[in-house]
Amino acid sequence: MKTASYILAVLLGFGGLTFLLGSQGSVTRIITGVVLIAAGIVLVFLARIKSPVPTVIQQIDLSGDVHAEHLKCKACGGALNPDSVSLEAGGVFVKCPYCGTSYQLEEEPKW
């Protein structure tokens, strides 16, 4: 988006400069050239303003009482801490800090 704004600003500035250089004393062309150059400057200014980056908060909601200190790695049996659990592509994944095994955490059916 910024690149397109800069390209448009350069085109507006070039067009305004063309109107000013070719004005031959015509007030209408001078005004048009000044307006085009001003529009290019305003466009550059607006493109340089940093828009706030939205904060994304991901929460993992598991049914039942699940505590991270009770989770153990399926491969090595090592205790998992809360940093081992992550949310990727809509699924809850666990990466063991001891053996490096990574797997998706699946909820057991209740029946």
PDB file of N, CA and C in Angstrom:
ATOM      1  N   MET A   1       0.822  -1.190   0.000  1.00  0.00           N
ATOM      2  CA  MET A   1       0.000   0.000   0.000  1.00  0.00           C
ATOM      3  C   MET A   1       0.869   1.257   0.000  1.00  0.00           C
ATOM      4  N   LYS A   2       1.951   1.220   0.796  1.00  0.00           N
ATOM      5  CA  LYS A   2       2.820   2.392   0.847  1.00  0.00           C
ATOM      6  C   LYS A   2       3.513   2.611  -0.488  1.00  0.00           C
ATOM      7  N   THR A   3       3.906   1.531  -1.128  1.00  0.00           N
ATOM      8  CA  THR A   3       4.597   1.656  -2.413  1.00  0.00           C
ATOM      9  C   THR A   3       3.686   2.313  -3.446  1.00  0.00           C
ATOM     10  N   ALA A   4       2.432   1.895  -3.471  1.00  0.00           N
ATOM     11  CA  ALA A   4       1.479   2.489  -4.408  1.00  0.00           C
ATOM     12  C   ALA A   4       1.279   3.973  -4.101  1.00  0.00           C
ATOM     13  N   SER A   5       1.256   4.327  -2.817  1.00  0.00           N
ATOM     14  CA  SER A   5       1.093   5.733  -2.425  1.00  0.00           C
ATOM     15  C   SER A   5       2.285   6.557  -2.883  1.00  0.00           C
ATOM     16  N   TYR A   6       3.499   6.011  -2.724  1.00  0.00           N
ATOM     17  CA  TYR A   6       4.689   6.739  -3.156  1.00  0.00           C
ATOM     18  C   TYR A   6       4.722   6.902  -4.672  1.00  0.00           C
ATOM     19  N   ILE A   7       4.339   5.872  -5.394  1.00  0.00           N
ATOM     20  CA  ILE A   7       4.315   5.962  -6.856  1.00  0.00           C
ATOM     21  C   ILE A   7       3.302   7.009  -7.307  1.00  0.00           C
ATOM     22  N   LEU A   8       2.118   6.995  -6.692  1.00  0.00           N
ATOM     23  CA  LEU A   8       1.094   7.988  -7.039  1.00  0.00           C
ATOM     24  C   LEU A   8       1.559   9.399  -6.683  1.00  0.00           C
ATOM     25  N   ALA A   9       2.267   9.551  -5.551  1.00  0.00           N
ATOM     26  CA  ALA A   9       2.774  10.870  -5.147  1.00  0.00           C
ATOM     27  C   ALA A   9       3.803  11.383  -6.153  1.00  0.00           C
ATOM     28  N   VAL A  10       4.668  10.502  -6.648  1.00  0.00           N
ATOM     29  CA  VAL A  10       5.660  10.915  -7.648  1.00  0.00           C
ATOM     30  C   VAL A  10       4.960  11.332  -8.936  1.00  0.00           C
ATOM     31  N   LEU A  11       3.947  10.570  -9.333  1.00  0.00           N
ATOM     32  CA  LEU A  11       3.206  10.925 -10.552  1.00  0.00           C
ATOM     33  C   LEU A  11       2.486  12.263 -10.398  1.00  0.00           C
ATOM     34  N   LEU A  12       1.899  12.496  -9.221  1.00  0.00           N
ATOM     35  CA  LEU A  12       1.237  13.784  -8.983  1.00  0.00           C
ATOM     36  C   LEU A  12       2.248  14.921  -8.992  1.00  0.00           C
ATOM     37  N   GLY A  13       3.390  14.705  -8.356  1.00  0.00           N
ATOM     38  CA  GLY A  13       4.429  15.736  -8.346  1.00  0.00           C
ATOM     39  C   GLY A  13       4.965  16.026  -9.738  1.00  0.00           C
ATOM     40  N   PHE A  14       5.176  14.958 -10.531  1.00  0.00           N
ATOM     41  CA  PHE A  14       5.645  15.146 -11.912  1.00  0.00           C
ATOM     42  C   PHE A  14       4.604  15.894 -12.748  1.00  0.00           C
ATOM     43  N   GLY A  15       3.344  15.530 -12.572  1.00  0.00           N
ATOM     44  CA  GLY A  15       2.282  16.238 -13.302  1.00  0.00           C
ATOM     45  C   GLY A  15       2.192  17.694 -12.890  1.00  0.00           C
ATOM     46  N   GLY A  16       2.323  17.958 -11.579  1.00  0.00           N
ATOM     47  CA  GLY A  16       2.294  19.345 -11.108  1.00  0.00           C
ATOM     48  C   GLY A  16       3.461  20.151 -11.633  1.00  0.00           C
ATOM     49  N   LEU A  17       4.641  19.531 -11.662  1.00  0.00           N
ATOM     50  CA  LEU A  17       5.820  20.214 -12.188  1.00  0.00           C
ATOM     51  C   LEU A  17       5.654  20.501 -13.680  1.00  0.00           C
ATOM     52  N   THR A  18       5.053  19.560 -14.390  1.00  0.00           N
ATOM     53  CA  THR A  18       4.795  19.760 -15.820  1.00  0.00           C
ATOM     54  C   THR A  18       3.847  20.938 -16.034  1.00  0.00           C
ATOM     55  N   PHE A  19       2.814  21.031 -15.227  1.00  0.00           N
ATOM     56  CA  PHE A  19       1.875  22.159 -15.341  1.00  0.00           C
ATOM     57  C   PHE A  19       2.571  23.480 -15.026  1.00  0.00           C
ATOM     58  N   LEU A  20       3.446  23.474 -13.997  1.00  0.00           N
ATOM     59  CA  LEU A  20       4.127  24.722 -13.637  1.00  0.00           C
ATOM     60  C   LEU A  20       5.113  25.160 -14.717  1.00  0.00           C
ATOM     61  N   LEU A  21       5.878  24.201 -15.267  1.00  0.00           N
ATOM     62  CA  LEU A  21       6.862  24.560 -16.294  1.00  0.00           C
ATOM     63  C   LEU A  21       6.196  24.964 -17.609  1.00  0.00           C
ATOM     64  N   GLY A  22       5.046  24.400 -17.894  1.00  0.00           N
ATOM     65  CA  GLY A  22       4.362  24.729 -19.149  1.00  0.00           C
ATOM     66  C   GLY A  22       3.252  25.747 -18.985  1.00  0.00           C
ATOM     67  N   SER A  23       3.246  26.469 -17.886  1.00  0.00           N
ATOM     68  CA  SER A  23       2.121  27.375 -17.612  1.00  0.00           C
ATOM     69  C   SER A  23       2.092  28.585 -18.536  1.00  0.00           C
ATOM     70  N   GLN A  24       3.253  29.114 -18.930  1.00  0.00           N
ATOM     71  CA  GLN A  24       3.349  30.291 -19.803  1.00  0.00           C
ATOM     72  C   GLN A  24       2.508  31.447 -19.268  1.00  0.00           C
ATOM     73  N   GLY A  25       2.492  31.571 -17.945  1.00  0.00           N
ATOM     74  CA  GLY A  25       1.782  32.688 -17.341  1.00  0.00           C
ATOM     75  C   GLY A  25       0.306  32.451 -17.107  1.00  0.00           C
ATOM     76  N   SER A  26      -0.209  31.303 -17.452  1.00  0.00           N
ATOM     77  CA  SER A  26      -1.624  30.999 -17.257  1.00  0.00           C
ATOM     78  C   SER A  26      -1.871  30.686 -15.776  1.00  0.00           C
ATOM     79  N   VAL A  27      -2.750  31.450 -15.164  1.00  0.00           N
ATOM     80  CA  VAL A  27      -3.033  31.290 -13.732  1.00  0.00           C
ATOM     81  C   VAL A  27      -3.671  29.930 -13.453  1.00  0.00           C
ATOM     82  N   THR A  28      -4.510  29.471 -14.333  1.00  0.00           N
ATOM     83  CA  THR A  28      -5.184  28.183 -14.141  1.00  0.00           C
ATOM     84  C   THR A  28      -4.170  27.046 -14.104  1.00  0.00           C
ATOM     85  N   ARG A  29      -3.175  27.068 -14.988  1.00  0.00           N
ATOM     86  CA  ARG A  29      -2.163  26.019 -15.001  1.00  0.00           C
ATOM     87  C   ARG A  29      -1.261  26.094 -13.774  1.00  0.00           C
ATOM     88  N   ILE A  30      -0.961  27.307 -13.327  1.00  0.00           N
ATOM     89  CA  ILE A  30      -0.132  27.463 -12.122  1.00  0.00           C
ATOM     90  C   ILE A  30      -0.867  26.898 -10.912  1.00  0.00           C
ATOM     91  N   ILE A  31      -2.137  27.215 -10.783  1.00  0.00           N
ATOM     92  CA  ILE A  31      -2.934  26.708  -9.656  1.00  0.00           C
ATOM     93  C   ILE A  31      -3.038  25.192  -9.727  1.00  0.00           C
ATOM     94  N   THR A  32      -3.271  24.661 -10.926  1.00  0.00           N
ATOM     95  CA  THR A  32      -3.359  23.205 -11.092  1.00  0.00           C
ATOM     96  C   THR A  32      -2.037  22.542 -10.708  1.00  0.00           C
ATOM     97  N   GLY A  33      -0.920  23.107 -11.124  1.00  0.00           N
ATOM     98  CA  GLY A  33       0.395  22.561 -10.793  1.00  0.00           C
ATOM     99  C   GLY A  33       0.663  22.573  -9.297  1.00  0.00           C
ATOM    100  N   VAL A  34       0.316  23.680  -8.642  1.00  0.00           N
ATOM    101  CA  VAL A  34       0.519  23.787  -7.189  1.00  0.00           C
ATOM    102  C   VAL A  34      -0.368  22.785  -6.450  1.00  0.00           C
ATOM    103  N   VAL A  35      -1.601  22.629  -6.886  1.00  0.00           N
ATOM    104  CA  VAL A  35      -2.518  21.685  -6.243  1.00  0.00           C
ATOM    105  C   VAL A  35      -2.008  20.250  -6.415  1.00  0.00           C
ATOM    106  N   LEU A  36      -1.520  19.914  -7.597  1.00  0.00           N
ATOM    107  CA  LEU A  36      -1.003  18.561  -7.827  1.00  0.00           C
ATOM    108  C   LEU A  36       0.235  18.278  -6.980  1.00  0.00           C
ATOM    109  N   ILE A  37       1.146  19.231  -6.886  1.00  0.00           N
ATOM    110  CA  ILE A  37       2.338  19.051  -6.054  1.00  0.00           C
ATOM    111  C   ILE A  37       1.950  18.944  -4.585  1.00  0.00           C
ATOM    112  N   ALA A  38       1.009  19.772  -4.135  1.00  0.00           N
ATOM    113  CA  ALA A  38       0.546  19.702  -2.743  1.00  0.00           C
ATOM    114  C   ALA A  38      -0.118  18.363  -2.455  1.00  0.00           C
ATOM    115  N   ALA A  39      -0.889  17.851  -3.406  1.00  0.00           N
ATOM    116  CA  ALA A  39      -1.531  16.547  -3.225  1.00  0.00           C
ATOM    117  C   ALA A  39      -0.477  15.445  -3.111  1.00  0.00           C
ATOM    118  N   GLY A  40       0.602  15.520  -3.890  1.00  0.00           N
ATOM    119  CA  GLY A  40       1.683  14.551  -3.797  1.00  0.00           C
ATOM    120  C   GLY A  40       2.374  14.609  -2.448  1.00  0.00           C
ATOM    121  N   ILE A  41       2.608  15.811  -1.941  1.00  0.00           N
ATOM    122  CA  ILE A  41       3.250  15.963  -0.622  1.00  0.00           C
ATOM    123  C   ILE A  41       2.350  15.408   0.481  1.00  0.00           C
ATOM    124  N   VAL A  42       1.059  15.711   0.416  1.00  0.00           N
ATOM    125  CA  VAL A  42       0.117  15.188   1.411  1.00  0.00           C
ATOM    126  C   VAL A  42       0.056  13.673   1.351  1.00  0.00           C
ATOM    127  N   LEU A  43       0.098  13.102   0.170  1.00  0.00           N
ATOM    128  CA  LEU A  43       0.063  11.652   0.008  1.00  0.00           C
ATOM    129  C   LEU A  43       1.298  10.991   0.622  1.00  0.00           C
ATOM    130  N   VAL A  44       2.468  11.606   0.430  1.00  0.00           N
ATOM    131  CA  VAL A  44       3.694  11.079   1.057  1.00  0.00           C
ATOM    132  C   VAL A  44       3.583  11.166   2.569  1.00  0.00           C
ATOM    133  N   PHE A  45       3.075  12.278   3.077  1.00  0.00           N
ATOM    134  CA  PHE A  45       2.910  12.440   4.522  1.00  0.00           C
ATOM    135  C   PHE A  45       1.967  11.376   5.086  1.00  0.00           C
ATOM    136  N   LEU A  46       0.849  11.135   4.418  1.00  0.00           N
ATOM    137  CA  LEU A  46      -0.101  10.134   4.897  1.00  0.00           C
ATOM    138  C   LEU A  46       0.464   8.716   4.821  1.00  0.00           C
ATOM    139  N   ALA A  47       1.303   8.452   3.822  1.00  0.00           N
ATOM    140  CA  ALA A  47       1.904   7.123   3.698  1.00  0.00           C
ATOM    141  C   ALA A  47       2.945   6.881   4.784  1.00  0.00           C
ATOM    142  N   ARG A  48       3.575   7.939   5.267  1.00  0.00           N
ATOM    143  CA  ARG A  48       4.614   7.790   6.285  1.00  0.00           C
ATOM    144  C   ARG A  48       4.054   7.674   7.702  1.00  0.00           C
ATOM    145  N   ILE A  49       2.810   8.039   7.908  1.00  0.00           N
ATOM    146  CA  ILE A  49       2.201   7.915   9.234  1.00  0.00           C
ATOM    147  C   ILE A  49       2.046   6.432   9.545  1.00  0.00           C
ATOM    148  N   LYS A  50       2.548   6.042  10.696  1.00  0.00           N
ATOM    149  CA  LYS A  50       2.456   4.640  11.092  1.00  0.00           C
ATOM    150  C   LYS A  50       1.080   4.364  11.670  1.00  0.00           C
ATOM    151  N   SER A  51       0.426   3.379  11.108  1.00  0.00           N
ATOM    152  CA  SER A  51      -0.868   2.987  11.649  1.00  0.00           C
ATOM    153  C   SER A  51      -0.623   2.042  12.823  1.00  0.00           C
ATOM    154  N   PRO A  52      -1.456   2.091  13.836  1.00  0.00           N
ATOM    155  CA  PRO A  52      -1.243   1.207  14.992  1.00  0.00           C
ATOM    156  C   PRO A  52      -1.397  -0.253  14.597  1.00  0.00           C
ATOM    157  N   VAL A  53      -0.495  -1.066  15.114  1.00  0.00           N
ATOM    158  CA  VAL A  53      -0.531  -2.495  14.831  1.00  0.00           C
ATOM    159  C   VAL A  53      -1.530  -3.138  15.784  1.00  0.00           C
ATOM    160  N   PRO A  54      -2.517  -3.848  15.242  1.00  0.00           N
ATOM    161  CA  PRO A  54      -3.505  -4.469  16.129  1.00  0.00           C
ATOM    162  C   PRO A  54      -2.866  -5.568  16.971  1.00  0.00           C
ATOM    163  N   THR A  55      -3.303  -5.647  18.209  1.00  0.00           N
ATOM    164  CA  THR A  55      -2.814  -6.671  19.113  1.00  0.00           C
ATOM    165  C   THR A  55      -3.718  -7.889  19.002  1.00  0.00           C
ATOM    166  N   VAL A  56      -3.108  -9.031  18.750  1.00  0.00           N
ATOM    167  CA  VAL A  56      -3.849 -10.276  18.622  1.00  0.00           C
ATOM    168  C   VAL A  56      -3.580 -11.111  19.862  1.00  0.00           C
ATOM    169  N   ILE A  57      -4.636 -11.481  20.558  1.00  0.00           N
ATOM    170  CA  ILE A  57      -4.513 -12.313  21.745  1.00  0.00           C
ATOM    171  C   ILE A  57      -5.159 -13.655  21.443  1.00  0.00           C
ATOM    172  N   GLN A  58      -4.363 -14.703  21.562  1.00  0.00           N
ATOM    173  CA  GLN A  58      -4.883 -16.040  21.321  1.00  0.00           C
ATOM    174  C   GLN A  58      -5.086 -16.726  22.662  1.00  0.00           C
ATOM    175  N   GLN A  59      -6.260 -17.258  22.848  1.00  0.00           N
ATOM    176  CA  GLN A  59      -6.567 -17.971  24.070  1.00  0.00           C
ATOM    177  C   GLN A  59      -6.912 -19.401  23.723  1.00  0.00           C
ATOM    178  N   ILE A  60      -6.446 -20.300  24.571  1.00  0.00           N
ATOM    179  CA  ILE A  60      -6.741 -21.708  24.391  1.00  0.00           C
ATOM    180  C   ILE A  60      -7.777 -22.090  25.430  1.00  0.00           C
ATOM    181  N   ASP A  61      -8.959 -22.460  24.977  1.00  0.00           N
ATOM    182  CA  ASP A  61     -10.026 -22.879  25.875  1.00  0.00           C
ATOM    183  C   ASP A  61     -10.200 -24.382  25.767  1.00  0.00           C
ATOM    184  N   LEU A  62      -9.857 -25.085  26.820  1.00  0.00           N
ATOM    185  CA  LEU A  62     -10.038 -26.530  26.866  1.00  0.00           C
ATOM    186  C   LEU A  62     -11.153 -26.831  27.853  1.00  0.00           C
ATOM    187  N   SER A  63     -11.990 -27.770  27.512  1.00  0.00           N
ATOM    188  CA  SER A  63     -13.061 -28.130  28.432  1.00  0.00           C
ATOM    189  C   SER A  63     -12.481 -28.978  29.557  1.00  0.00           C
ATOM    190  N   GLY A  64     -13.028 -28.838  30.712  1.00  0.00           N
ATOM    191  CA  GLY A  64     -12.549 -29.607  31.857  1.00  0.00           C
ATOM    192  C   GLY A  64     -11.392 -28.910  32.547  1.00  0.00           C
ATOM    193  N   ASP A  65     -10.892 -29.544  33.577  1.00  0.00           N
ATOM    194  CA  ASP A  65      -9.777 -28.992  34.329  1.00  0.00           C
ATOM    195  C   ASP A  65      -8.471 -29.537  33.773  1.00  0.00           C
ATOM    196  N   VAL A  66      -7.756 -28.699  33.058  1.00  0.00           N
ATOM    197  CA  VAL A  66      -6.467 -29.081  32.505  1.00  0.00           C
ATOM    198  C   VAL A  66      -5.435 -28.125  33.076  1.00  0.00           C
ATOM    199  N   HIS A  67      -4.428 -28.668  33.690  1.00  0.00           N
ATOM    200  CA  HIS A  67      -3.362 -27.852  34.255  1.00  0.00           C
ATOM    201  C   HIS A  67      -2.067 -28.222  33.562  1.00  0.00           C
ATOM    202  N   ALA A  68      -1.281 -27.224  33.221  1.00  0.00           N
ATOM    203  CA  ALA A  68      -0.050 -27.461  32.471  1.00  0.00           C
ATOM    204  C   ALA A  68       0.952 -28.285  33.270  1.00  0.00           C
ATOM    205  N   GLU A  69       0.933 -28.170  34.581  1.00  0.00           N
ATOM    206  CA  GLU A  69       1.911 -28.913  35.361  1.00  0.00           C
ATOM    207  C   GLU A  69       1.610 -30.411  35.391  1.00  0.00           C
ATOM    208  N   HIS A  70       0.416 -30.809  34.953  1.00  0.00           N
ATOM    209  CA  HIS A  70       0.080 -32.224  34.926  1.00  0.00           C
ATOM    210  C   HIS A  70       0.281 -32.868  33.555  1.00  0.00           C
ATOM    211  N   LEU A  71       0.650 -32.075  32.562  1.00  0.00           N
ATOM    212  CA  LEU A  71       0.851 -32.608  31.219  1.00  0.00           C
ATOM    213  C   LEU A  71       2.226 -33.257  31.126  1.00  0.00           C
ATOM    214  N   LYS A  72       2.264 -34.427  30.489  1.00  0.00           N
ATOM    215  CA  LYS A  72       3.531 -35.127  30.282  1.00  0.00           C
ATOM    216  C   LYS A  72       3.679 -35.460  28.810  1.00  0.00           C
ATOM    217  N   CYS A  73       4.906 -35.492  28.338  1.00  0.00           N
ATOM    218  CA  CYS A  73       5.211 -35.805  26.941  1.00  0.00           C
ATOM    219  C   CYS A  73       4.823 -37.251  26.658  1.00  0.00           C
ATOM    220  N   LYS A  74       4.182 -37.462  25.504  1.00  0.00           N
ATOM    221  CA  LYS A  74       3.789 -38.821  25.118  1.00  0.00           C
ATOM    222  C   LYS A  74       5.003 -39.681  24.775  1.00  0.00           C
ATOM    223  N   ALA A  75       6.088 -39.053  24.311  1.00  0.00           N
ATOM    224  CA  ALA A  75       7.249 -39.822  23.861  1.00  0.00           C
ATOM    225  C   ALA A  75       8.196 -40.169  25.011  1.00  0.00           C
ATOM    226  N   CYS A  76       8.565 -39.176  25.824  1.00  0.00           N
ATOM    227  CA  CYS A  76       9.581 -39.427  26.849  1.00  0.00           C
ATOM    228  C   CYS A  76       9.043 -39.363  28.270  1.00  0.00           C
ATOM    229  N   GLY A  77       7.825 -38.848  28.455  1.00  0.00           N
ATOM    230  CA  GLY A  77       7.240 -38.759  29.783  1.00  0.00           C
ATOM    231  C   GLY A  77       7.696 -37.553  30.580  1.00  0.00           C
ATOM    232  N   GLY A  78       8.432 -36.646  29.959  1.00  0.00           N
ATOM    233  CA  GLY A  78       8.911 -35.443  30.647  1.00  0.00           C
ATOM    234  C   GLY A  78       7.769 -34.489  30.948  1.00  0.00           C
ATOM    235  N   ALA A  79       7.897 -33.771  32.078  1.00  0.00           N
ATOM    236  CA  ALA A  79       6.869 -32.797  32.472  1.00  0.00           C
ATOM    237  C   ALA A  79       6.920 -31.597  31.531  1.00  0.00           C
ATOM    238  N   LEU A  80       5.745 -31.161  31.074  1.00  0.00           N
ATOM    239  CA  LEU A  80       5.648 -30.036  30.149  1.00  0.00           C
ATOM    240  C   LEU A  80       5.254 -28.782  30.907  1.00  0.00           C
ATOM    241  N   ASN A  81       5.847 -27.657  30.546  1.00  0.00           N
ATOM    242  CA  ASN A  81       5.494 -26.378  31.159  1.00  0.00           C
ATOM    243  C   ASN A  81       4.573 -25.593  30.219  1.00  0.00           C
ATOM    244  N   PRO A  82       4.000 -24.493  30.677  1.00  0.00           N
ATOM    245  CA  PRO A  82       3.074 -23.734  29.821  1.00  0.00           C
ATOM    246  C   PRO A  82       3.718 -23.207  28.530  1.00  0.00           C
ATOM    247  N   ASP A  83       5.036 -23.007  28.525  1.00  0.00           N
ATOM    248  CA  ASP A  83       5.700 -22.531  27.310  1.00  0.00           C
ATOM    249  C   ASP A  83       5.758 -23.608  26.229  1.00  0.00           C
ATOM    250  N   SER A  84       5.519 -24.845  26.600  1.00  0.00           N
ATOM    251  CA  SER A  84       5.569 -25.946  25.636  1.00  0.00           C
ATOM    252  C   SER A  84       4.300 -26.028  24.796  1.00  0.00           C
ATOM    253  N   VAL A  85       3.234 -25.369  25.219  1.00  0.00           N
ATOM    254  CA  VAL A  85       1.942 -25.438  24.527  1.00  0.00           C
ATOM    255  C   VAL A  85       1.789 -24.191  23.655  1.00  0.00           C
ATOM    256  N   SER A  86       1.401 -24.399  22.387  1.00  0.00           N
ATOM    257  CA  SER A  86       1.193 -23.271  21.480  1.00  0.00           C
ATOM    258  C   SER A  86      -0.034 -23.534  20.608  1.00  0.00           C
ATOM    259  N   LEU A  87      -0.566 -22.469  20.041  1.00  0.00           N
ATOM    260  CA  LEU A  87      -1.721 -22.550  19.158  1.00  0.00           C
ATOM    261  C   LEU A  87      -1.244 -22.290  17.740  1.00  0.00           C
ATOM    262  N   GLU A  88      -1.377 -23.285  16.869  1.00  0.00           N
ATOM    263  CA  GLU A  88      -0.945 -23.165  15.480  1.00  0.00           C
ATOM    264  C   GLU A  88      -2.044 -23.695  14.570  1.00  0.00           C
ATOM    265  N   ALA A  89      -2.425 -22.897  13.609  1.00  0.00           N
ATOM    266  CA  ALA A  89      -3.432 -23.280  12.608  1.00  0.00           C
ATOM    267  C   ALA A  89      -4.714 -23.784  13.252  1.00  0.00           C
ATOM    268  N   GLY A  90      -5.109 -23.191  14.358  1.00  0.00           N
ATOM    269  CA  GLY A  90      -6.357 -23.550  15.020  1.00  0.00           C
ATOM    270  C   GLY A  90      -6.275 -24.782  15.892  1.00  0.00           C
ATOM    271  N   GLY A  91      -5.118 -25.396  16.018  1.00  0.00           N
ATOM    272  CA  GLY A  91      -4.964 -26.586  16.852  1.00  0.00           C
ATOM    273  C   GLY A  91      -3.984 -26.319  17.980  1.00  0.00           C
ATOM    274  N   VAL A  92      -4.122 -27.060  19.069  1.00  0.00           N
ATOM    275  CA  VAL A  92      -3.231 -26.923  20.213  1.00  0.00           C
ATOM    276  C   VAL A  92      -2.081 -27.915  20.028  1.00  0.00           C
ATOM    277  N   PHE A  93      -0.859 -27.396  19.949  1.00  0.00           N
ATOM    278  CA  PHE A  93       0.316 -28.223  19.735  1.00  0.00           C
ATOM    279  C   PHE A  93       1.230 -28.164  20.948  1.00  0.00           C
ATOM    280  N   VAL A  94       1.905 -29.284  21.198  1.00  0.00           N
ATOM    281  CA  VAL A  94       2.841 -29.393  22.312  1.00  0.00           C
ATOM    282  C   VAL A  94       4.203 -29.737  21.732  1.00  0.00           C
ATOM    283  N   LYS A  95       5.242 -29.047  22.215  1.00  0.00           N
ATOM    284  CA  LYS A  95       6.619 -29.383  21.828  1.00  0.00           C
ATOM    285  C   LYS A  95       7.395 -29.648  23.102  1.00  0.00           C
ATOM    286  N   CYS A  96       7.920 -30.852  23.216  1.00  0.00           N
ATOM    287  CA  CYS A  96       8.636 -31.271  24.413  1.00  0.00           C
ATOM    288  C   CYS A  96      10.011 -30.603  24.445  1.00  0.00           C
ATOM    289  N   PRO A  97      10.346 -29.929  25.567  1.00  0.00           N
ATOM    290  CA  PRO A  97      11.658 -29.295  25.657  1.00  0.00           C
ATOM    291  C   PRO A  97      12.788 -30.297  25.883  1.00  0.00           C
ATOM    292  N   TYR A  98      12.445 -31.529  26.240  1.00  0.00           N
ATOM    293  CA  TYR A  98      13.472 -32.529  26.537  1.00  0.00           C
ATOM    294  C   TYR A  98      13.855 -33.343  25.303  1.00  0.00           C
ATOM    295  N   CYS A  99      12.859 -33.930  24.635  1.00  0.00           N
ATOM    296  CA  CYS A  99      13.177 -34.802  23.495  1.00  0.00           C
ATOM    297  C   CYS A  99      12.900 -34.125  22.150  1.00  0.00           C
ATOM    298  N   GLY A 100      12.223 -32.963  22.149  1.00  0.00           N
ATOM    299  CA  GLY A 100      11.961 -32.238  20.905  1.00  0.00           C
ATOM    300  C   GLY A 100      10.766 -32.744  20.124  1.00  0.00           C
ATOM    301  N   THR A 101      10.036 -33.716  20.661  1.00  0.00           N
ATOM    302  CA  THR A 101       8.863 -34.256  19.983  1.00  0.00           C
ATOM    303  C   THR A 101       7.768 -33.195  19.927  1.00  0.00           C
ATOM    304  N   SER A 102       7.101 -33.089  18.783  1.00  0.00           N
ATOM    305  CA  SER A 102       6.012 -32.138  18.610  1.00  0.00           C
ATOM    306  C   SER A 102       4.772 -32.904  18.160  1.00  0.00           C
ATOM    307  N   TYR A 103       3.666 -32.649  18.827  1.00  0.00           N
ATOM    308  CA  TYR A 103       2.423 -33.330  18.461  1.00  0.00           C
ATOM    309  C   TYR A 103       1.241 -32.444  18.831  1.00  0.00           C
ATOM    310  N   GLN A 104       0.084 -32.770  18.239  1.00  0.00           N
ATOM    311  CA  GLN A 104      -1.133 -32.009  18.502  1.00  0.00           C
ATOM    312  C   GLN A 104      -1.829 -32.589  19.719  1.00  0.00           C
ATOM    313  N   LEU A 105      -2.247 -31.718  20.613  1.00  0.00           N
ATOM    314  CA  LEU A 105      -2.961 -32.123  21.811  1.00  0.00           C
ATOM    315  C   LEU A 105      -4.432 -32.296  21.446  1.00  0.00           C
ATOM    316  N   GLU A 106      -4.956 -33.498  21.665  1.00  0.00           N
ATOM    317  CA  GLU A 106      -6.343 -33.786  21.311  1.00  0.00           C
ATOM    318  C   GLU A 106      -7.120 -34.130  22.569  1.00  0.00           C
ATOM    319  N   GLU A 107      -8.323 -33.654  22.618  1.00  0.00           N
ATOM    320  CA  GLU A 107      -9.193 -33.917  23.768  1.00  0.00           C
ATOM    321  C   GLU A 107      -9.823 -35.300  23.605  1.00  0.00           C
ATOM    322  N   GLU A 108      -9.776 -36.035  24.673  1.00  0.00           N
ATOM    323  CA  GLU A 108     -10.386 -37.366  24.669  1.00  0.00           C
ATOM    324  C   GLU A 108     -11.906 -37.229  24.679  1.00  0.00           C
ATOM    325  N   PRO A 109     -12.610 -38.096  23.970  1.00  0.00           N
ATOM    326  CA  PRO A 109     -14.078 -38.056  24.016  1.00  0.00           C
ATOM    327  C   PRO A 109     -14.574 -38.353  25.428  1.00  0.00           C
ATOM    328  N   LYS A 110     -15.699 -37.777  25.803  1.00  0.00           N
ATOM    329  CA  LYS A 110     -16.215 -37.921  27.161  1.00  0.00           C
ATOM    330  C   LYS A 110     -17.098 -39.160  27.329  1.00  0.00           C
ATOM    331  N   TRP A 111     -17.412 -39.881  26.290  1.00  0.00           N
ATOM    332  CA  TRP A 111     -18.286 -41.036  26.442  1.00  0.00           C
ATOM    333  C   TRP A 111     -17.536 -42.313  26.583  1.00  0.00           C
TER     334      TRP A 111
END
